[in-house]
Amino acid sequence: MLEAHQPRTTPKPVPNRFTWIARALQSTFAGHVSRATLLKRLLPLSFATHFGALGLAAMFFPTSFDWRVRVISELTDPEDNPRGYWLASVGVMAAMLVLLPFAGYLTQRLQAIEPRLARFSGTTFALAFGLTAISMVTQLAQPVIGLRWLHALLAGAGAGCFIVGMFCCTTGALHERRHRSAGLRTLSSALVWSWLSLTLLPVICLAVIGALMFLGHQAGLAWAENFRQSFRHTLLWNLAFWEWIGIGMGYGFMAISVLLLPTAGEAGKVPPGNPEAGRPGEAISHFRRD
């Protein structure tokens, strides 16, 4: 008697350790991280790596390094800092890579509020971190390839992308406050005013200073020229000062964003019984972590 034919079952492939690590890294860089992970691990690690590496590189600088008048690029340049440039370059590059999950995190949290601006701002922040990291690679490779100007170009583009991302966040927050009633707003007033302060206040201050300098130098107004001459002898005249302050404000912007942005369950939440409940894009159901 013939035995009944039993279909063969193919065993399910067991993912190896490298596959699991790759998927975990992909999920992390896509922004699937918790608020606590960003606030307690990634942001502090990036901050410590960034400024720690620059501080160590400054110890190897040929002369006394005064951060108020010397730009960061002098620490990462092989010609200006031949003994410590690699420390600064590697440290800044690592700090930028650690910040990449912030771009995806921001996109996830703003997706239900302003989908287009959320995607665009997340992309600009990712570009900012990526371009800055690549600019450090060019500094490491400068003794071989030369092209000293390439670092300045990439670093400037990275800073520009970060500023554009900040403006996108601020624009989205203002759009929500203008077009949604108080009961439907997702972003807190504290977050909106923090974004406004960190984004627009420096621009307004620089615009006022620039206008006064123009009036003194071009228009010939005596009081404006006196101000311009006195301003030349202050820290605000030095690009290096604004560069260091800008980095600190950038980390502040990210920390405040992570701290005050709504969690995945709160983003796009609409009160029960509201006619806007159930609209597409009003909730993020696929992202379950806080």
C-alpha atoms as a PDB file:
ATOM      1  CA  MET A   1       0.000   0.000   0.000  1.00  0.00           C
ATOM      2  CA  LEU A   2       1.408   3.317  -1.096  1.00  0.00           C
ATOM      3  CA  GLU A   3       1.868   5.950   1.528  1.00  0.00           C
ATOM      4  CA  ALA A   4       0.049   9.232   1.009  1.00  0.00           C
ATOM      5  CA  HIS A   5       2.263  11.825  -0.515  1.00  0.00           C
ATOM      6  CA  GLN A   6       3.258  14.416   2.071  1.00  0.00           C
ATOM      7  CA  PRO A   7       4.123  17.868   0.675  1.00  0.00           C
ATOM      8  CA  ARG A   8       7.567  19.027   1.552  1.00  0.00           C
ATOM      9  CA  THR A   9       7.772  22.090   3.758  1.00  0.00           C
ATOM     10  CA  THR A  10      10.572  24.508   3.132  1.00  0.00           C
ATOM     11  CA  PRO A  11      12.064  25.761   6.403  1.00  0.00           C
ATOM     12  CA  LYS A  12      11.836  29.482   6.883  1.00  0.00           C
ATOM     13  CA  PRO A  13      15.181  31.206   6.513  1.00  0.00           C
ATOM     14  CA  VAL A  14      16.573  32.429   9.799  1.00  0.00           C
ATOM     15  CA  PRO A  15      17.978  35.941   9.481  1.00  0.00           C
ATOM     16  CA  ASN A  16      21.612  36.056  10.425  1.00  0.00           C
ATOM     17  CA  ARG A  17      23.139  38.559  12.768  1.00  0.00           C
ATOM     18  CA  PHE A  18      24.348  40.859  10.003  1.00  0.00           C
ATOM     19  CA  THR A  19      20.870  41.073   8.473  1.00  0.00           C
ATOM     20  CA  TRP A  20      19.398  41.970  11.849  1.00  0.00           C
ATOM     21  CA  ILE A  21      22.013  44.663  12.399  1.00  0.00           C
ATOM     22  CA  ALA A  22      21.403  46.103   8.928  1.00  0.00           C
ATOM     23  CA  ARG A  23      17.645  46.245   9.508  1.00  0.00           C
ATOM     24  CA  ALA A  24      18.129  47.836  12.913  1.00  0.00           C
ATOM     25  CA  LEU A  25      20.399  50.509  11.447  1.00  0.00           C
ATOM     26  CA  GLN A  26      17.963  51.163   8.599  1.00  0.00           C
ATOM     27  CA  SER A  27      15.092  51.539  11.068  1.00  0.00           C
ATOM     28  CA  THR A  28      17.129  53.870  13.274  1.00  0.00           C
ATOM     29  CA  PHE A  29      18.257  56.139  10.446  1.00  0.00           C
ATOM     30  CA  ALA A  30      14.661  56.252   9.163  1.00  0.00           C
ATOM     31  CA  GLY A  31      13.627  57.860  12.446  1.00  0.00           C
ATOM     32  CA  HIS A  32      12.045  54.872  14.167  1.00  0.00           C
ATOM     33  CA  VAL A  33      13.532  55.794  17.519  1.00  0.00           C
ATOM     34  CA  SER A  34      11.950  56.925  20.736  1.00  0.00           C
ATOM     35  CA  ARG A  35      12.038  60.393  22.204  1.00  0.00           C
ATOM     36  CA  ALA A  36      14.072  59.089  25.136  1.00  0.00           C
ATOM     37  CA  THR A  37      16.664  57.554  22.816  1.00  0.00           C
ATOM     38  CA  LEU A  38      17.228  60.842  21.017  1.00  0.00           C
ATOM     39  CA  LEU A  39      17.224  63.019  24.130  1.00  0.00           C
ATOM     40  CA  LYS A  40      19.251  60.762  26.414  1.00  0.00           C
ATOM     41  CA  ARG A  41      21.590  59.018  23.980  1.00  0.00           C
ATOM     42  CA  LEU A  42      21.929  60.268  20.421  1.00  0.00           C
ATOM     43  CA  LEU A  43      21.833  64.046  20.881  1.00  0.00           C
ATOM     44  CA  PRO A  44      24.159  64.070  23.940  1.00  0.00           C
ATOM     45  CA  LEU A  45      26.505  61.623  22.194  1.00  0.00           C
ATOM     46  CA  SER A  46      26.641  63.795  19.072  1.00  0.00           C
ATOM     47  CA  PHE A  47      27.164  66.977  21.104  1.00  0.00           C
ATOM     48  CA  ALA A  48      29.950  65.426  23.191  1.00  0.00           C
ATOM     49  CA  THR A  49      31.618  63.920  20.126  1.00  0.00           C
ATOM     50  CA  HIS A  50      31.404  67.164  18.165  1.00  0.00           C
ATOM     51  CA  PHE A  51      32.781  69.543  20.757  1.00  0.00           C
ATOM     52  CA  GLY A  52      35.023  66.961  22.402  1.00  0.00           C
ATOM     53  CA  ALA A  53      36.830  66.260  19.144  1.00  0.00           C
ATOM     54  CA  LEU A  54      37.167  69.962  18.385  1.00  0.00           C
ATOM     55  CA  GLY A  55      38.522  70.575  21.872  1.00  0.00           C
ATOM     56  CA  LEU A  56      41.123  67.832  21.511  1.00  0.00           C
ATOM     57  CA  ALA A  57      42.107  69.111  18.065  1.00  0.00           C
ATOM     58  CA  ALA A  58      42.531  72.616  19.498  1.00  0.00           C
ATOM     59  CA  MET A  59      45.141  71.219  21.890  1.00  0.00           C
ATOM     60  CA  PHE A  60      47.276  70.225  18.891  1.00  0.00           C
ATOM     61  CA  PHE A  61      46.826  73.560  17.108  1.00  0.00           C
ATOM     62  CA  PRO A  62      50.235  75.168  16.386  1.00  0.00           C
ATOM     63  CA  THR A  63      49.292  78.366  18.236  1.00  0.00           C
ATOM     64  CA  SER A  64      46.796  79.276  20.910  1.00  0.00           C
ATOM     65  CA  PHE A  65      43.322  78.653  19.460  1.00  0.00           C
ATOM     66  CA  ASP A  66      40.873  81.468  20.234  1.00  0.00           C
ATOM     67  CA  TRP A  67      37.390  80.236  19.294  1.00  0.00           C
ATOM     68  CA  ARG A  68      36.067  83.810  19.201  1.00  0.00           C
ATOM     69  CA  VAL A  69      38.157  84.753  16.175  1.00  0.00           C
ATOM     70  CA  ARG A  70      39.116  81.416  14.567  1.00  0.00           C
ATOM     71  CA  VAL A  71      36.670  79.404  12.476  1.00  0.00           C
ATOM     72  CA  ILE A  72      36.133  75.673  12.939  1.00  0.00           C
ATOM     73  CA  SER A  73      37.588  74.881   9.526  1.00  0.00           C
ATOM     74  CA  GLU A  74      41.024  75.827  10.834  1.00  0.00           C
ATOM     75  CA  LEU A  75      40.846  72.900  13.250  1.00  0.00           C
ATOM     76  CA  THR A  76      39.933  70.432  10.489  1.00  0.00           C
ATOM     77  CA  ASP A  77      42.367  71.760   7.877  1.00  0.00           C
ATOM     78  CA  PRO A  78      45.576  69.716   7.372  1.00  0.00           C
ATOM     79  CA  GLU A  79      47.567  72.860   6.564  1.00  0.00           C
ATOM     80  CA  ASP A  80      46.376  74.902   9.555  1.00  0.00           C
ATOM     81  CA  ASN A  81      46.346  72.043  12.054  1.00  0.00           C
ATOM     82  CA  PRO A  82      48.662  69.305  10.720  1.00  0.00           C
ATOM     83  CA  ARG A  83      48.810  67.333  13.986  1.00  0.00           C
ATOM     84  CA  GLY A  84      45.170  67.407  15.031  1.00  0.00           C
ATOM     85  CA  TYR A  85      43.070  67.918  11.912  1.00  0.00           C
ATOM     86  CA  TRP A  86      42.137  64.239  11.699  1.00  0.00           C
ATOM     87  CA  LEU A  87      40.737  64.294  15.238  1.00  0.00           C
ATOM     88  CA  ALA A  88      38.402  67.172  14.448  1.00  0.00           C
ATOM     89  CA  SER A  89      37.382  65.772  11.063  1.00  0.00           C
ATOM     90  CA  VAL A  90      36.588  62.282  12.340  1.00  0.00           C
ATOM     91  CA  GLY A  91      34.769  63.654  15.380  1.00  0.00           C
ATOM     92  CA  VAL A  92      32.543  66.017  13.411  1.00  0.00           C
ATOM     93  CA  MET A  93      31.820  63.321  10.828  1.00  0.00           C
ATOM     94  CA  ALA A  94      30.792  60.853  13.545  1.00  0.00           C
ATOM     95  CA  ALA A  95      28.641  63.491  15.226  1.00  0.00           C
ATOM     96  CA  MET A  96      26.770  64.135  11.969  1.00  0.00           C
ATOM     97  CA  LEU A  97      26.119  60.438  11.380  1.00  0.00           C
ATOM     98  CA  VAL A  98      24.696  60.088  14.882  1.00  0.00           C
ATOM     99  CA  LEU A  99      22.262  62.940  14.116  1.00  0.00           C
ATOM    100  CA  LEU A 100      20.765  61.293  11.009  1.00  0.00           C
ATOM    101  CA  PRO A 101      17.852  59.660  12.929  1.00  0.00           C
ATOM    102  CA  PHE A 102      16.637  63.155  13.878  1.00  0.00           C
ATOM    103  CA  ALA A 103      15.658  63.834  10.258  1.00  0.00           C
ATOM    104  CA  GLY A 104      13.404  60.769  10.091  1.00  0.00           C
ATOM    105  CA  TYR A 105      12.038  61.409  13.578  1.00  0.00           C
ATOM    106  CA  LEU A 106      11.007  64.943  12.625  1.00  0.00           C
ATOM    107  CA  THR A 107       9.355  63.713   9.423  1.00  0.00           C
ATOM    108  CA  GLN A 108       7.340  61.110  11.318  1.00  0.00           C
ATOM    109  CA  ARG A 109       6.098  63.635  13.885  1.00  0.00           C
ATOM    110  CA  LEU A 110       5.130  66.333  11.365  1.00  0.00           C
ATOM    111  CA  GLN A 111       3.674  63.977   8.745  1.00  0.00           C
ATOM    112  CA  ALA A 112       0.105  64.253  10.053  1.00  0.00           C
ATOM    113  CA  ILE A 113       0.278  68.046  10.284  1.00  0.00           C
ATOM    114  CA  GLU A 114       2.006  69.188   7.078  1.00  0.00           C
ATOM    115  CA  PRO A 115       2.973  66.146   4.955  1.00  0.00           C
ATOM    116  CA  ARG A 116       4.826  68.056   2.228  1.00  0.00           C
ATOM    117  CA  LEU A 117       6.757  70.280   4.597  1.00  0.00           C
ATOM    118  CA  ALA A 118       7.453  67.271   6.814  1.00  0.00           C
ATOM    119  CA  ARG A 119       9.086  65.352   3.988  1.00  0.00           C
ATOM    120  CA  PHE A 120      10.939  68.394   2.693  1.00  0.00           C
ATOM    121  CA  SER A 121      12.250  69.445   6.114  1.00  0.00           C
ATOM    122  CA  GLY A 122      13.341  65.888   6.904  1.00  0.00           C
ATOM    123  CA  THR A 123      15.174  65.717   3.585  1.00  0.00           C
ATOM    124  CA  THR A 124      16.943  69.031   4.159  1.00  0.00           C
ATOM    125  CA  PHE A 125      18.085  68.008   7.637  1.00  0.00           C
ATOM    126  CA  ALA A 126      19.370  64.670   6.295  1.00  0.00           C
ATOM    127  CA  LEU A 127      21.209  66.531   3.535  1.00  0.00           C
ATOM    128  CA  ALA A 128      22.666  68.931   6.097  1.00  0.00           C
ATOM    129  CA  PHE A 129      24.139  66.097   8.154  1.00  0.00           C
ATOM    130  CA  GLY A 130      25.272  64.146   5.098  1.00  0.00           C
ATOM    131  CA  LEU A 131      26.942  67.082   3.351  1.00  0.00           C
ATOM    132  CA  THR A 132      28.736  68.120   6.524  1.00  0.00           C
ATOM    133  CA  ALA A 133      30.017  64.569   7.031  1.00  0.00           C
ATOM    134  CA  ILE A 134      31.233  64.430   3.424  1.00  0.00           C
ATOM    135  CA  SER A 135      32.958  67.789   3.861  1.00  0.00           C
ATOM    136  CA  MET A 136      34.961  66.213   6.693  1.00  0.00           C
ATOM    137  CA  VAL A 137      35.920  63.338   4.392  1.00  0.00           C
ATOM    138  CA  THR A 138      37.320  65.881   1.932  1.00  0.00           C
ATOM    139  CA  GLN A 139      39.399  67.379   4.738  1.00  0.00           C
ATOM    140  CA  LEU A 140      40.855  63.952   5.545  1.00  0.00           C
ATOM    141  CA  ALA A 141      41.591  63.364   1.862  1.00  0.00           C
ATOM    142  CA  GLN A 142      42.931  66.865   1.230  1.00  0.00           C
ATOM    143  CA  PRO A 143      46.641  65.877   1.490  1.00  0.00           C
ATOM    144  CA  VAL A 144      46.001  63.487  -1.424  1.00  0.00           C
ATOM    145  CA  ILE A 145      43.363  65.166  -3.611  1.00  0.00           C
ATOM    146  CA  GLY A 146      43.909  68.831  -2.757  1.00  0.00           C
ATOM    147  CA  LEU A 147      40.724  70.767  -3.642  1.00  0.00           C
ATOM    148  CA  ARG A 148      40.722  72.869  -0.504  1.00  0.00           C
ATOM    149  CA  TRP A 149      37.692  74.787  -1.760  1.00  0.00           C
ATOM    150  CA  LEU A 150      35.543  71.636  -1.840  1.00  0.00           C
ATOM    151  CA  HIS A 151      35.285  71.488   1.943  1.00  0.00           C
ATOM    152  CA  ALA A 152      34.062  75.080   2.171  1.00  0.00           C
ATOM    153  CA  LEU A 153      31.474  74.429  -0.542  1.00  0.00           C
ATOM    154  CA  LEU A 154      30.081  71.273   1.067  1.00  0.00           C
ATOM    155  CA  ALA A 155      30.137  72.665   4.602  1.00  0.00           C
ATOM    156  CA  GLY A 156      28.363  75.837   3.476  1.00  0.00           C
ATOM    157  CA  ALA A 157      25.750  73.794   1.613  1.00  0.00           C
ATOM    158  CA  GLY A 158      25.201  71.670   4.717  1.00  0.00           C
ATOM    159  CA  ALA A 159      24.692  74.731   6.916  1.00  0.00           C
ATOM    160  CA  GLY A 160      22.315  76.186   4.330  1.00  0.00           C
ATOM    161  CA  CYS A 161      20.249  72.985   4.266  1.00  0.00           C
ATOM    162  CA  PHE A 162      19.959  73.030   8.066  1.00  0.00           C
ATOM    163  CA  ILE A 163      18.722  76.628   8.011  1.00  0.00           C
ATOM    164  CA  VAL A 164      16.181  75.769   5.294  1.00  0.00           C
ATOM    165  CA  GLY A 165      14.948  72.886   7.449  1.00  0.00           C
ATOM    166  CA  MET A 166      14.484  75.229  10.404  1.00  0.00           C
ATOM    167  CA  PHE A 167      12.465  77.626   8.257  1.00  0.00           C
ATOM    168  CA  CYS A 168      10.314  74.741   6.987  1.00  0.00           C
ATOM    169  CA  CYS A 169       9.484  73.692  10.541  1.00  0.00           C
ATOM    170  CA  THR A 170       8.639  77.251  11.510  1.00  0.00           C
ATOM    171  CA  THR A 171       6.492  77.724   8.407  1.00  0.00           C
ATOM    172  CA  GLY A 172       4.562  74.535   9.115  1.00  0.00           C
ATOM    173  CA  ALA A 173       3.979  75.537  12.720  1.00  0.00           C
ATOM    174  CA  LEU A 174       2.688  78.981  11.728  1.00  0.00           C
ATOM    175  CA  HIS A 175       0.467  77.447   9.039  1.00  0.00           C
ATOM    176  CA  GLU A 176      -1.127  75.131  11.591  1.00  0.00           C
ATOM    177  CA  ARG A 177      -1.812  77.954  14.047  1.00  0.00           C
ATOM    178  CA  ARG A 178      -3.380  80.013  11.288  1.00  0.00           C
ATOM    179  CA  HIS A 179      -5.617  77.365   9.726  1.00  0.00           C
ATOM    180  CA  ARG A 180      -6.603  75.252  12.716  1.00  0.00           C
ATOM    181  CA  SER A 181      -8.680  76.187  15.712  1.00  0.00           C
ATOM    182  CA  ALA A 182      -7.157  75.964  19.167  1.00  0.00           C
ATOM    183  CA  GLY A 183      -8.794  72.597  19.869  1.00  0.00           C
ATOM    184  CA  LEU A 184      -7.284  70.988  16.768  1.00  0.00           C
ATOM    185  CA  ARG A 185      -3.717  72.252  17.063  1.00  0.00           C
ATOM    186  CA  THR A 186      -1.119  69.565  17.591  1.00  0.00           C
ATOM    187  CA  LEU A 187       2.009  71.681  18.089  1.00  0.00           C
ATOM    188  CA  SER A 188       2.295  73.400  21.442  1.00  0.00           C
ATOM    189  CA  SER A 189       2.739  77.147  21.810  1.00  0.00           C
ATOM    190  CA  ALA A 190       6.063  76.558  23.540  1.00  0.00           C
ATOM    191  CA  LEU A 191       7.378  74.677  20.501  1.00  0.00           C
ATOM    192  CA  VAL A 192       6.125  77.286  18.029  1.00  0.00           C
ATOM    193  CA  TRP A 193       7.649  80.205  19.925  1.00  0.00           C
ATOM    194  CA  SER A 194      10.908  78.298  20.427  1.00  0.00           C
ATOM    195  CA  TRP A 195      11.172  77.640  16.707  1.00  0.00           C
ATOM    196  CA  LEU A 196      10.367  81.257  15.936  1.00  0.00           C
ATOM    197  CA  SER A 197      12.973  82.530  18.389  1.00  0.00           C
ATOM    198  CA  LEU A 198      15.747  80.232  17.199  1.00  0.00           C
ATOM    199  CA  THR A 199      14.980  80.777  13.506  1.00  0.00           C
ATOM    200  CA  LEU A 200      13.816  84.346  13.003  1.00  0.00           C
ATOM    201  CA  LEU A 201      15.395  86.277  15.877  1.00  0.00           C
ATOM    202  CA  PRO A 202      19.026  85.783  14.694  1.00  0.00           C
ATOM    203  CA  VAL A 203      17.992  86.692  11.138  1.00  0.00           C
ATOM    204  CA  ILE A 204      16.284  89.877  12.320  1.00  0.00           C
ATOM    205  CA  CYS A 205      19.281  90.866  14.464  1.00  0.00           C
ATOM    206  CA  LEU A 206      21.712  90.314  11.604  1.00  0.00           C
ATOM    207  CA  ALA A 207      19.444  92.227   9.217  1.00  0.00           C
ATOM    208  CA  VAL A 208      19.298  95.223  11.567  1.00  0.00           C
ATOM    209  CA  ILE A 209      23.076  95.193  12.052  1.00  0.00           C
ATOM    210  CA  GLY A 210      23.616  94.886   8.296  1.00  0.00           C
ATOM    211  CA  ALA A 211      21.242  97.778   7.588  1.00  0.00           C
ATOM    212  CA  LEU A 212      23.030 100.028  10.072  1.00  0.00           C
ATOM    213  CA  MET A 213      26.399  99.100   8.582  1.00  0.00           C
ATOM    214  CA  PHE A 214      25.096  99.900   5.088  1.00  0.00           C
ATOM    215  CA  LEU A 215      23.710 103.255   6.217  1.00  0.00           C
ATOM    216  CA  GLY A 216      27.015 104.155   7.815  1.00  0.00           C
ATOM    217  CA  HIS A 217      29.304 103.005   5.007  1.00  0.00           C
ATOM    218  CA  GLN A 218      27.229 103.799   1.917  1.00  0.00           C
ATOM    219  CA  ALA A 219      24.712 106.463   2.953  1.00  0.00           C
ATOM    220  CA  GLY A 220      27.236 108.430   4.985  1.00  0.00           C
ATOM    221  CA  LEU A 221      25.052 108.878   8.071  1.00  0.00           C
ATOM    222  CA  ALA A 222      27.342 109.927  10.912  1.00  0.00           C
ATOM    223  CA  TRP A 223      25.513 108.099  13.693  1.00  0.00           C
ATOM    224  CA  ALA A 224      25.369 104.882  11.641  1.00  0.00           C
ATOM    225  CA  GLU A 225      29.076 105.158  10.736  1.00  0.00           C
ATOM    226  CA  ASN A 226      29.976 105.611  14.403  1.00  0.00           C
ATOM    227  CA  PHE A 227      28.015 102.489  15.176  1.00  0.00           C
ATOM    228  CA  ARG A 228      29.752 100.558  12.384  1.00  0.00           C
ATOM    229  CA  GLN A 229      33.195 101.560  13.601  1.00  0.00           C
ATOM    230  CA  SER A 230      32.403 100.613  17.192  1.00  0.00           C
ATOM    231  CA  PHE A 231      30.829  97.354  16.021  1.00  0.00           C
ATOM    232  CA  ARG A 232      34.046  96.309  14.267  1.00  0.00           C
ATOM    233  CA  HIS A 233      35.754  95.914  17.651  1.00  0.00           C
ATOM    234  CA  THR A 234      33.158  93.532  19.122  1.00  0.00           C
ATOM    235  CA  LEU A 235      32.763  89.749  18.973  1.00  0.00           C
ATOM    236  CA  LEU A 236      29.693  90.145  16.773  1.00  0.00           C
ATOM    237  CA  TRP A 237      31.932  91.293  13.921  1.00  0.00           C
ATOM    238  CA  ASN A 238      33.743  87.933  13.717  1.00  0.00           C
ATOM    239  CA  LEU A 239      32.351  85.124  11.583  1.00  0.00           C
ATOM    240  CA  ALA A 240      33.920  82.581  13.913  1.00  0.00           C
ATOM    241  CA  PHE A 241      31.774  83.774  16.820  1.00  0.00           C
ATOM    242  CA  TRP A 242      28.560  83.297  14.818  1.00  0.00           C
ATOM    243  CA  GLU A 243      29.760  79.893  13.606  1.00  0.00           C
ATOM    244  CA  TRP A 244      30.186  78.539  17.127  1.00  0.00           C
ATOM    245  CA  ILE A 245      26.959  80.148  18.344  1.00  0.00           C
ATOM    246  CA  GLY A 246      25.125  78.761  15.311  1.00  0.00           C
ATOM    247  CA  ILE A 247      26.202  75.203  16.110  1.00  0.00           C
ATOM    248  CA  GLY A 248      24.994  75.604  19.685  1.00  0.00           C
ATOM    249  CA  MET A 249      21.662  76.972  18.473  1.00  0.00           C
ATOM    250  CA  GLY A 250      21.363  74.072  16.040  1.00  0.00           C
ATOM    251  CA  TYR A 251      21.697  71.541  18.849  1.00  0.00           C
ATOM    252  CA  GLY A 252      19.229  73.582  20.891  1.00  0.00           C
ATOM    253  CA  PHE A 253      16.749  73.526  18.014  1.00  0.00           C
ATOM    254  CA  MET A 254      16.986  69.746  17.748  1.00  0.00           C
ATOM    255  CA  ALA A 255      16.691  69.169  21.496  1.00  0.00           C
ATOM    256  CA  ILE A 256      13.637  71.428  21.807  1.00  0.00           C
ATOM    257  CA  SER A 257      12.044  69.791  18.752  1.00  0.00           C
ATOM    258  CA  VAL A 258      12.448  66.287  20.166  1.00  0.00           C
ATOM    259  CA  LEU A 259      11.268  67.374  23.605  1.00  0.00           C
ATOM    260  CA  LEU A 260       8.145  69.276  22.502  1.00  0.00           C
ATOM    261  CA  LEU A 261       7.033  67.561  19.295  1.00  0.00           C
ATOM    262  CA  PRO A 262       3.953  65.368  19.798  1.00  0.00           C
ATOM    263  CA  THR A 263       4.512  61.657  20.098  1.00  0.00           C
ATOM    264  CA  ALA A 264       3.319  59.302  17.387  1.00  0.00           C
ATOM    265  CA  GLY A 265       0.008  58.724  19.179  1.00  0.00           C
ATOM    266  CA  GLU A 266      -0.603  62.430  19.722  1.00  0.00           C
ATOM    267  CA  ALA A 267       0.296  63.641  16.217  1.00  0.00           C
ATOM    268  CA  GLY A 268      -2.808  64.435  14.262  1.00  0.00           C
ATOM    269  CA  LYS A 269      -5.141  63.391  17.091  1.00  0.00           C
ATOM    270  CA  VAL A 270      -8.610  64.898  16.703  1.00  0.00           C
ATOM    271  CA  PRO A 271     -11.089  65.191  19.587  1.00  0.00           C
ATOM    272  CA  PRO A 272     -13.978  62.649  19.427  1.00  0.00           C
ATOM    273  CA  GLY A 273     -17.078  63.905  17.672  1.00  0.00           C
ATOM    274  CA  ASN A 274     -15.181  66.561  15.725  1.00  0.00           C
ATOM    275  CA  PRO A 275     -16.199  66.756  12.042  1.00  0.00           C
ATOM    276  CA  GLU A 276     -12.517  66.595  11.050  1.00  0.00           C
ATOM    277  CA  ALA A 277     -12.066  63.218  12.732  1.00  0.00           C
ATOM    278  CA  GLY A 278     -11.172  60.436  10.394  1.00  0.00           C
ATOM    279  CA  ARG A 279      -9.589  62.562   7.699  1.00  0.00           C
ATOM    280  CA  PRO A 280      -6.638  60.967   5.934  1.00  0.00           C
ATOM    281  CA  GLY A 281      -3.329  61.904   7.417  1.00  0.00           C
ATOM    282  CA  GLU A 282      -4.774  62.874  10.789  1.00  0.00           C
ATOM    283  CA  ALA A 283      -3.050  60.037  12.618  1.00  0.00           C
ATOM    284  CA  ILE A 284       0.072  57.980  12.289  1.00  0.00           C
ATOM    285  CA  SER A 285      -0.937  54.428  12.920  1.00  0.00           C
ATOM    286  CA  HIS A 286       2.049  52.681  11.380  1.00  0.00           C
ATOM    287  CA  PHE A 287       4.537  54.138  13.834  1.00  0.00           C
ATOM    288  CA  ARG A 288       3.947  52.752  17.301  1.00  0.00           C
ATOM    289  CA  ARG A 289       6.831  53.947  19.400  1.00  0.00           C
ATOM    290  CA  ASP A 290       6.890  57.148  21.385  1.00  0.00           C
END
